[in-house]
Protein backbone atom coordinates (compact mmCIF):
# COMPACT_ATOMS: atom_id res chain seq x y z
CA MET A 1 -12.78 14.06 2.58
CA ASP A 2 -15.91 16.20 2.25
CA ARG A 3 -15.49 18.52 5.23
CA ASP A 4 -19.22 19.18 5.42
CA LEU A 5 -19.72 15.56 6.42
CA LEU A 6 -17.34 15.50 9.38
CA ALA A 7 -19.78 17.00 11.87
CA HIS A 8 -22.42 14.44 10.90
CA LEU A 9 -20.32 11.29 11.27
CA PRO A 10 -20.84 10.96 15.06
CA VAL A 11 -24.58 11.07 14.35
CA ILE A 12 -24.26 8.08 12.02
CA VAL A 13 -22.41 6.14 14.71
CA ALA A 14 -25.01 7.05 17.36
CA VAL A 15 -27.91 5.88 15.20
CA ALA A 16 -26.11 2.59 14.52
CA ARG A 17 -25.27 2.08 18.19
CA ARG A 18 -28.71 2.99 19.50
CA GLY A 19 -30.63 1.24 16.73
CA GLY A 20 -32.90 4.18 16.00
CA PHE A 21 -33.18 7.89 15.32
CA ALA A 22 -35.10 8.85 18.47
CA ALA A 23 -32.67 7.07 20.80
CA ALA A 24 -29.69 8.62 19.02
CA ALA A 25 -31.30 12.05 19.25
CA ALA A 26 -31.79 11.65 23.00
CA GLU A 27 -28.15 10.62 23.46
CA LEU A 28 -26.82 13.50 21.37
CA GLY A 29 -29.18 16.17 22.69
CA MET A 30 -30.60 16.76 19.21
CA SER A 31 -34.09 16.64 17.76
CA PRO A 32 -35.05 13.49 15.80
CA SER A 33 -35.53 15.64 12.71
CA ALA A 34 -31.98 16.98 12.99
CA VAL A 35 -30.64 13.44 13.29
CA SER A 36 -32.68 12.36 10.26
CA HIS A 37 -31.37 15.34 8.29
CA ALA A 38 -27.75 14.50 9.17
CA VAL A 39 -28.17 10.89 8.09
CA ARG A 40 -29.90 11.86 4.88
CA LEU A 41 -27.13 14.35 4.03
CA VAL A 42 -24.39 11.74 4.50
CA GLU A 43 -26.32 9.17 2.46
CA GLU A 44 -26.83 11.67 -0.37
CA ARG A 45 -23.13 12.58 -0.44
CA LEU A 46 -22.09 8.91 -0.45
CA GLY A 47 -24.70 8.00 -3.01
CA GLN A 48 -26.13 5.02 -1.15
CA PRO A 49 -28.27 4.28 1.91
CA LEU A 50 -26.57 3.49 5.21
CA PHE A 51 -29.73 2.39 7.04
CA ALA A 52 -32.70 0.25 6.04
CA ARG A 53 -35.75 1.86 7.64
CA THR A 54 -39.15 0.40 8.45
CA THR A 55 -41.92 1.74 10.66
CA ARG A 56 -40.60 -0.44 13.50
CA SER A 57 -36.85 -0.69 13.10
CA VAL A 58 -33.66 0.79 11.73
CA ALA A 59 -30.88 -1.54 10.55
CA LEU A 60 -27.53 -1.00 8.88
CA THR A 61 -27.19 -1.80 5.19
CA ASP A 62 -24.03 -3.50 3.95
CA ALA A 63 -22.61 -0.08 3.09
CA GLY A 64 -23.54 1.15 6.55
CA LYS A 65 -21.83 -1.81 8.23
CA SER A 66 -18.69 -1.18 6.21
CA LEU A 67 -18.64 2.50 7.15
CA ILE A 68 -19.36 1.91 10.84
CA GLY A 69 -16.65 -0.75 11.02
CA THR A 70 -14.09 1.90 10.14
CA LEU A 71 -15.74 5.00 11.53
CA ALA A 72 -16.66 3.89 15.07
CA PRO A 73 -13.13 2.87 16.17
CA ALA A 74 -11.63 5.98 14.57
CA LEU A 75 -14.02 8.35 16.34
CA GLN A 76 -13.53 6.52 19.62
CA ASP A 77 -9.76 6.87 19.28
CA ILE A 78 -10.07 10.60 18.56
CA HIS A 79 -12.41 11.02 21.53
CA GLU A 80 -10.03 9.23 23.91
CA ARG A 81 -7.02 11.22 22.72
CA MET A 82 -8.86 14.50 23.25
CA GLU A 83 -9.88 13.42 26.76
CA ARG A 84 -6.28 12.54 27.63
CA ILE A 85 -5.11 15.95 26.38
CA ARG A 86 -7.76 17.73 28.45
CA ALA A 87 -6.87 15.68 31.51
CA VAL A 88 -3.24 16.85 31.38
CA LYS A 89 -4.28 20.37 32.35
CA GLY A 90 -7.36 19.61 34.37
CA ARG A 91 -9.61 16.90 35.72
CA PRO A 92 -11.00 13.82 33.93
CA SER A 93 -14.25 14.65 32.19
CA GLY A 94 -16.84 13.28 29.80
CA LEU A 95 -19.51 10.59 29.72
CA LEU A 96 -18.51 7.16 31.07
CA ARG A 97 -20.99 4.52 29.87
CA ILE A 98 -21.02 1.27 31.85
CA ASN A 99 -23.13 -1.79 31.10
CA ALA A 100 -23.76 -3.60 34.39
CA ALA A 101 -25.82 -6.46 35.71
CA ARG A 102 -28.36 -5.00 38.13
CA ILE A 103 -26.96 -7.07 40.98
CA SER A 104 -23.71 -5.10 40.74
CA LEU A 105 -25.31 -1.80 41.79
CA PRO A 106 -25.73 -2.51 45.53
CA LEU A 107 -22.71 -4.82 45.69
CA ALA A 108 -20.15 -2.55 44.00
CA VAL A 109 -21.30 0.29 41.78
CA THR A 110 -23.30 2.59 44.06
CA PRO A 111 -20.48 3.48 46.49
CA ILE A 112 -18.07 4.02 43.59
CA VAL A 113 -20.44 6.35 41.73
CA ALA A 114 -21.13 8.26 44.96
CA ALA A 115 -17.40 8.80 45.45
CA MET A 116 -16.95 9.72 41.78
CA ALA A 117 -19.48 12.53 42.19
CA GLU A 118 -17.27 14.03 44.89
CA ARG A 119 -13.85 13.37 43.36
CA TYR A 120 -14.54 13.84 39.66
CA PRO A 121 -17.63 16.02 39.19
CA ASP A 122 -16.83 16.53 35.49
CA VAL A 123 -17.25 12.80 34.77
CA GLU A 124 -20.84 11.79 34.06
CA VAL A 125 -21.36 8.10 34.83
CA GLU A 126 -24.20 6.40 32.96
CA ILE A 127 -25.10 2.94 34.28
CA PHE A 128 -27.10 0.80 31.85
CA SER A 129 -28.65 -2.05 33.84
CA ASP A 130 -28.63 -5.14 31.64
CA GLU A 131 -28.92 -8.85 32.39
CA ARG A 132 -27.78 -9.91 28.90
CA LEU A 133 -24.18 -10.68 27.93
CA THR A 134 -23.94 -7.50 25.89
CA ASP A 135 -21.09 -6.81 23.46
CA ILE A 136 -19.89 -3.62 25.14
CA VAL A 137 -17.66 -2.62 22.22
CA SER A 138 -20.28 -2.83 19.47
CA GLU A 139 -22.92 -1.12 21.64
CA GLY A 140 -20.71 1.81 22.57
CA PHE A 141 -20.01 1.17 26.26
CA ASP A 142 -16.71 2.09 27.90
CA ALA A 143 -16.83 -0.89 30.26
CA GLY A 144 -19.03 -3.61 31.66
CA ILE A 145 -19.52 -5.26 35.06
CA ARG A 146 -20.22 -8.97 35.37
CA ILE A 147 -19.21 -12.06 37.34
CA GLY A 148 -15.70 -13.08 36.38
CA GLU A 149 -16.58 -16.32 34.64
CA MET A 150 -18.86 -14.46 32.21
CA ILE A 151 -16.14 -12.18 30.85
CA ALA A 152 -14.45 -12.86 27.51
CA GLN A 153 -10.76 -13.69 27.76
CA ASP A 154 -9.70 -10.88 25.43
CA MET A 155 -10.94 -8.26 27.92
CA VAL A 156 -8.98 -6.62 30.72
CA ALA A 157 -10.70 -7.42 34.03
CA VAL A 158 -10.42 -5.48 37.29
CA ARG A 159 -11.81 -7.02 40.45
CA LEU A 160 -14.51 -5.01 42.23
CA THR A 161 -15.59 -7.47 44.94
CA PRO A 162 -14.18 -10.54 46.66
CA PRO A 163 -15.67 -13.92 45.69
CA PHE A 164 -19.09 -14.62 47.17
CA ARG A 165 -21.52 -17.52 47.35
CA SER A 166 -24.80 -18.27 45.61
CA ILE A 167 -27.19 -19.57 48.25
CA VAL A 168 -30.79 -20.74 48.64
CA VAL A 169 -33.10 -18.79 50.96
CA ALA A 170 -36.74 -18.71 51.98
CA SER A 171 -38.90 -16.78 54.40
CA PRO A 172 -39.67 -18.13 57.88
CA GLY A 173 -43.32 -18.31 56.84
CA TYR A 174 -42.56 -20.50 53.85
CA ILE A 175 -40.32 -22.80 55.90
CA GLY A 176 -43.02 -23.05 58.56
CA SER A 177 -45.63 -24.12 56.00
CA HIS A 178 -43.55 -26.29 53.68
CA GLY A 179 -40.59 -27.46 55.73
CA ARG A 180 -36.87 -27.07 55.12
CA PRO A 181 -35.21 -28.87 52.19
CA MET A 182 -32.38 -31.06 53.49
CA ASN A 183 -30.76 -32.14 50.21
CA LEU A 184 -30.89 -31.41 46.49
CA THR A 185 -33.48 -34.12 45.89
CA ASP A 186 -35.87 -32.26 48.19
CA LEU A 187 -35.91 -29.27 45.80
CA SER A 188 -38.33 -31.13 43.53
CA GLN A 189 -40.90 -30.99 46.35
CA HIS A 190 -40.63 -27.21 46.80
CA ASN A 191 -41.86 -24.11 45.04
CA CYS A 192 -38.63 -22.70 43.56
CA ILE A 193 -38.49 -19.22 42.05
CA GLY A 194 -37.06 -19.66 38.56
CA TYR A 195 -34.88 -17.47 36.35
CA ARG A 196 -35.62 -16.90 32.67
CA LEU A 197 -32.44 -16.55 30.60
CA ILE A 198 -32.94 -13.43 28.48
CA ARG A 199 -30.67 -14.42 25.61
CA SER A 200 -31.77 -18.05 25.11
CA GLY A 201 -35.23 -17.90 26.64
CA GLY A 202 -34.59 -21.07 28.63
CA LEU A 203 -34.85 -21.58 32.38
CA TYR A 204 -31.68 -21.29 34.45
CA GLN A 205 -30.58 -24.40 36.31
CA TRP A 206 -29.34 -23.67 39.83
CA ASP A 207 -25.57 -24.15 40.19
CA LEU A 208 -24.85 -26.03 43.40
CA VAL A 209 -22.16 -28.36 44.78
CA GLN A 210 -22.61 -32.00 45.70
CA ASP A 211 -19.84 -34.38 46.78
CA GLY A 212 -17.22 -31.86 45.77
CA ARG A 213 -18.44 -31.32 42.22
CA ASP A 214 -20.62 -28.73 40.54
CA VAL A 215 -24.14 -29.82 39.62
CA ALA A 216 -26.89 -28.03 37.70
CA VAL A 217 -30.33 -28.56 39.24
CA ALA A 218 -33.49 -28.00 37.20
CA VAL A 219 -36.18 -26.48 39.44
CA ARG A 220 -39.84 -25.66 39.05
CA GLY A 221 -42.24 -23.29 40.73
CA SER A 222 -45.09 -20.83 40.40
CA ALA A 223 -42.95 -17.77 39.66
CA ILE A 224 -40.22 -16.94 37.14
CA VAL A 225 -38.11 -13.76 37.11
CA THR A 226 -35.22 -12.34 35.08
CA GLU A 227 -33.04 -10.90 37.86
CA SER A 228 -32.15 -11.44 41.51
CA HIS A 229 -33.93 -8.48 43.13
CA SER A 230 -37.30 -9.78 42.02
CA ALA A 231 -36.45 -13.24 43.37
CA VAL A 232 -35.57 -11.72 46.75
CA GLU A 233 -38.85 -9.79 46.89
CA LEU A 234 -40.82 -12.94 46.13
CA ALA A 235 -38.90 -14.91 48.73
CA LEU A 236 -39.59 -12.23 51.35
CA ALA A 237 -43.27 -12.48 50.43
CA GLY A 238 -43.20 -16.21 51.19
CA VAL A 239 -43.66 -17.40 47.61
CA GLY A 240 -40.90 -20.00 47.67
CA LEU A 241 -37.19 -20.77 47.63
CA ALA A 242 -34.89 -18.25 45.94
CA TYR A 243 -31.39 -18.79 44.55
CA VAL A 244 -29.44 -15.55 45.09
CA PHE A 245 -26.01 -14.07 45.72
CA GLU A 246 -25.31 -14.12 49.45
CA PRO A 247 -24.32 -10.41 49.83
CA LEU A 248 -27.68 -9.37 48.41
CA VAL A 249 -29.59 -11.01 51.28
CA LYS A 250 -27.05 -10.76 54.09
CA ALA A 251 -29.05 -8.08 55.93
CA ASP A 252 -32.33 -9.98 55.48
CA ILE A 253 -30.78 -13.15 56.92
CA ALA A 254 -29.29 -11.24 59.87
CA ALA A 255 -32.69 -9.65 60.58
CA GLY A 256 -34.51 -12.98 60.38
CA ARG A 257 -36.55 -12.01 57.33
CA LEU A 258 -34.97 -14.84 55.33
CA ILE A 259 -33.49 -18.20 56.27
CA GLN A 260 -30.64 -19.83 54.40
CA VAL A 261 -31.13 -23.49 53.51
CA LEU A 262 -28.93 -26.15 51.87
CA ASP A 263 -25.76 -24.41 53.08
CA PRO A 264 -23.42 -27.38 52.36
CA TYR A 265 -24.47 -27.21 48.70
CA ALA A 266 -23.74 -23.49 48.15
CA VAL A 267 -21.33 -22.67 45.31
CA THR A 268 -18.69 -19.91 45.39
CA GLU A 269 -18.76 -17.37 42.54
CA ASP A 270 -15.76 -15.46 41.18
CA GLY A 271 -17.07 -12.09 42.32
CA LEU A 272 -17.77 -8.98 40.27
CA PHE A 273 -15.29 -7.48 37.82
CA LEU A 274 -15.11 -4.31 35.77
CA TYR A 275 -14.00 -5.25 32.24
CA PHE A 276 -13.04 -3.34 29.11
CA PRO A 277 -11.01 -3.68 25.89
CA ARG A 278 -7.24 -3.31 26.04
CA ARG A 279 -6.05 0.30 25.91
CA ALA A 280 -9.43 1.54 27.13
CA GLU A 281 -7.99 2.10 30.61
CA LEU A 282 -5.85 4.86 29.12
CA ALA A 283 -8.98 7.03 29.00
CA PRO A 284 -8.80 9.36 32.04
CA LYS A 285 -12.49 8.93 32.89
CA LEU A 286 -12.19 5.12 33.12
CA ARG A 287 -8.89 5.37 34.98
CA ALA A 288 -10.66 7.68 37.44
CA PHE A 289 -13.39 5.07 37.96
CA ILE A 290 -10.83 2.33 38.61
CA ASP A 291 -8.83 4.50 41.02
CA THR A 292 -11.99 5.50 42.85
CA ALA A 293 -13.00 1.86 43.25
CA ARG A 294 -9.64 1.20 44.82
CA ASN A 295 -9.85 4.22 47.10
CA VAL A 296 -13.31 3.43 48.45
CA GLY A 297 -12.05 0.14 49.76
CA HIS A 298 -13.02 -2.54 47.26
CA ALA A 299 -10.60 -5.42 46.80
CA ILE A 300 -9.26 -4.81 43.33
CA SER A 301 -6.81 -6.85 41.33
CA GLU A 302 -6.21 -7.10 37.61
CA SER A 303 -6.32 -10.41 35.82
């Protein structure tokens, strides 16, 4: 192995993971020119390009894909082993990157991160808010947080919250002007705040229960959003009916700012889970996150 290249290999992985030189530079604390120089040096030594560059994008070549396929897991393994060695004599440390649906922040993540800051100040927790079903391994995340049914079966899953319901709510003003829907058929007569699915581009059909079975209801309205917080804000403003997780609007319902409708049709969700590849929990920083979640009182169980 050309020893001069060793220091530059993490740069190659960062550019591949981030999809660009500027983003990799920001992650590594380097200048974009230094990142470009490192990539160019490795490419010159290997005798072939690793990235196909245009003015708008950076993509791996076939040679780059082959190298990253071997290099990324190897570097990750080295990184985890070094962290475990350091943790033997001291406290868990390092950057813990978590890809999480935005809804998980108020429901689970915020109190855990607050406790982590007190218990493990040497662990830096980066929360990447993402509504897509991201491949956490290929994009360099240590773990992800999603509803249980969304998690691939080959992942280890740790429960962060109990199950909760998805419900339909509206403001008192909207109900006063448009009436209260009494059954699923009535939804076609109401202004329903829709969800745009980021990956497919389609509109989400509301999951509800009728006569003991799950049904998907296509709704229409004057507003479409991509995540629950925006739907809640629009519902509070009296725009229309919103389909949201019950814990997110519990305080608004108790205060009378929102009214729940169609209660018999509400569906129960699995709850939120932290998930990660097998063996990843051996990393002290992730183990610290899991232990902290348990200590701050969340119902946690592994599946």
